[in-house]
Amino acid sequence: MRLLRFCRSRASVADLAAELDLPLGVVRILLADLRERGLVNIYQPVASGLSDVRILKEVADALRRL
């Protein structure tokens, strides 16, 4: 199965859906089934720090200046 090959490297569900040209919801269901069978592990993304409101405001301000 192509999905299992792509799961060898950590990739987001969106990246997997794009690579396989499948709807996001379909890939989520397939991954849930694979997880139940113990064929894949699912990891939560690490916070990137973009939730800092100050940084988001600085980016918005810079974009407005363009």
C-alpha atoms as a PDB file:
ATOM      1  CA  MET A   1       0.000   0.000   0.000  1.00  0.00           C
ATOM      2  CA  ARG A   2       1.381   3.388  -1.027  1.00  0.00           C
ATOM      3  CA  LEU A   3       0.180   5.067   2.143  1.00  0.00           C
ATOM      4  CA  LEU A   4       2.347   2.823   4.314  1.00  0.00           C
ATOM      5  CA  ARG A   5       5.408   3.653   2.207  1.00  0.00           C
ATOM      6  CA  PHE A   6       4.830   7.373   2.692  1.00  0.00           C
ATOM      7  CA  CYS A   7       4.297   6.864   6.425  1.00  0.00           C
ATOM      8  CA  ARG A   8       7.875   5.676   6.885  1.00  0.00           C
ATOM      9  CA  SER A   9       8.946   9.269   7.266  1.00  0.00           C
ATOM     10  CA  ARG A  10       7.026  11.535   9.583  1.00  0.00           C
ATOM     11  CA  ALA A  11       4.647  13.503   7.420  1.00  0.00           C
ATOM     12  CA  SER A  12       1.520  15.468   8.105  1.00  0.00           C
ATOM     13  CA  VAL A  13      -1.841  14.074   7.113  1.00  0.00           C
ATOM     14  CA  ALA A  14      -2.184  16.956   4.661  1.00  0.00           C
ATOM     15  CA  ASP A  15       1.158  16.072   3.052  1.00  0.00           C
ATOM     16  CA  LEU A  16       0.119  12.427   2.741  1.00  0.00           C
ATOM     17  CA  ALA A  17      -3.208  13.417   1.179  1.00  0.00           C
ATOM     18  CA  ALA A  18      -1.461  15.660  -1.334  1.00  0.00           C
ATOM     19  CA  GLU A  19       1.131  13.031  -2.206  1.00  0.00           C
ATOM     20  CA  LEU A  20      -1.538  10.374  -2.733  1.00  0.00           C
ATOM     21  CA  ASP A  21      -3.989  12.779  -4.423  1.00  0.00           C
ATOM     22  CA  LEU A  22      -6.749  11.728  -2.008  1.00  0.00           C
ATOM     23  CA  PRO A  23      -9.164  13.819   0.052  1.00  0.00           C
ATOM     24  CA  LEU A  24      -7.907  14.656   3.529  1.00  0.00           C
ATOM     25  CA  GLY A  25     -10.847  12.923   5.196  1.00  0.00           C
ATOM     26  CA  VAL A  26     -10.168   9.684   3.329  1.00  0.00           C
ATOM     27  CA  VAL A  27      -6.523   9.680   4.410  1.00  0.00           C
ATOM     28  CA  ARG A  28      -7.530  10.349   8.024  1.00  0.00           C
ATOM     29  CA  ILE A  29      -9.851   7.332   7.973  1.00  0.00           C
ATOM     30  CA  LEU A  30      -7.199   5.124   6.365  1.00  0.00           C
ATOM     31  CA  LEU A  31      -4.625   6.209   8.946  1.00  0.00           C
ATOM     32  CA  ALA A  32      -7.045   5.514  11.791  1.00  0.00           C
ATOM     33  CA  ASP A  33      -7.558   1.992  10.449  1.00  0.00           C
ATOM     34  CA  LEU A  34      -3.812   1.455  10.104  1.00  0.00           C
ATOM     35  CA  ARG A  35      -3.273   2.747  13.628  1.00  0.00           C
ATOM     36  CA  GLU A  36      -5.865   0.341  15.041  1.00  0.00           C
ATOM     37  CA  ARG A  37      -3.933  -2.500  13.408  1.00  0.00           C
ATOM     38  CA  GLY A  38      -0.663  -1.232  14.889  1.00  0.00           C
ATOM     39  CA  LEU A  39       0.847  -0.494  11.486  1.00  0.00           C
ATOM     40  CA  VAL A  40       1.489   3.222  12.026  1.00  0.00           C
ATOM     41  CA  ASN A  41       2.115   5.553  14.935  1.00  0.00           C
ATOM     42  CA  ILE A  42       0.497   8.949  15.030  1.00  0.00           C
ATOM     43  CA  TYR A  43       2.305  11.853  16.653  1.00  0.00           C
ATOM     44  CA  GLN A  44       0.968  15.257  17.576  1.00  0.00           C
ATOM     45  CA  PRO A  45       2.904  18.119  16.004  1.00  0.00           C
ATOM     46  CA  VAL A  46       5.333  19.995  18.201  1.00  0.00           C
ATOM     47  CA  ALA A  47       4.272  23.544  18.936  1.00  0.00           C
ATOM     48  CA  SER A  48       6.161  25.903  16.675  1.00  0.00           C
ATOM     49  CA  GLY A  49       5.807  29.018  18.787  1.00  0.00           C
ATOM     50  CA  LEU A  50       3.485  30.618  16.256  1.00  0.00           C
ATOM     51  CA  SER A  51       0.783  30.839  18.873  1.00  0.00           C
ATOM     52  CA  ASP A  52       2.637  33.805  20.364  1.00  0.00           C
ATOM     53  CA  VAL A  53       0.319  36.732  19.616  1.00  0.00           C
ATOM     54  CA  ARG A  54       3.216  39.197  19.585  1.00  0.00           C
ATOM     55  CA  ILE A  55       4.949  37.334  16.757  1.00  0.00           C
ATOM     56  CA  LEU A  56       1.730  37.061  14.772  1.00  0.00           C
ATOM     57  CA  LYS A  57       1.114  40.807  15.148  1.00  0.00           C
ATOM     58  CA  GLU A  58       4.661  41.570  13.986  1.00  0.00           C
ATOM     59  CA  VAL A  59       4.162  39.401  10.901  1.00  0.00           C
ATOM     60  CA  ALA A  60       0.800  41.056  10.154  1.00  0.00           C
ATOM     61  CA  ASP A  61       2.337  44.516  10.539  1.00  0.00           C
ATOM     62  CA  ALA A  62       5.222  43.607   8.230  1.00  0.00           C
ATOM     63  CA  LEU A  63       2.808  42.294   5.613  1.00  0.00           C
ATOM     64  CA  ARG A  64       0.769  45.513   5.766  1.00  0.00           C
ATOM     65  CA  ARG A  65       3.932  47.527   5.104  1.00  0.00           C
ATOM     66  CA  LEU A  66       4.611  45.633   1.868  1.00  0.00           C
END
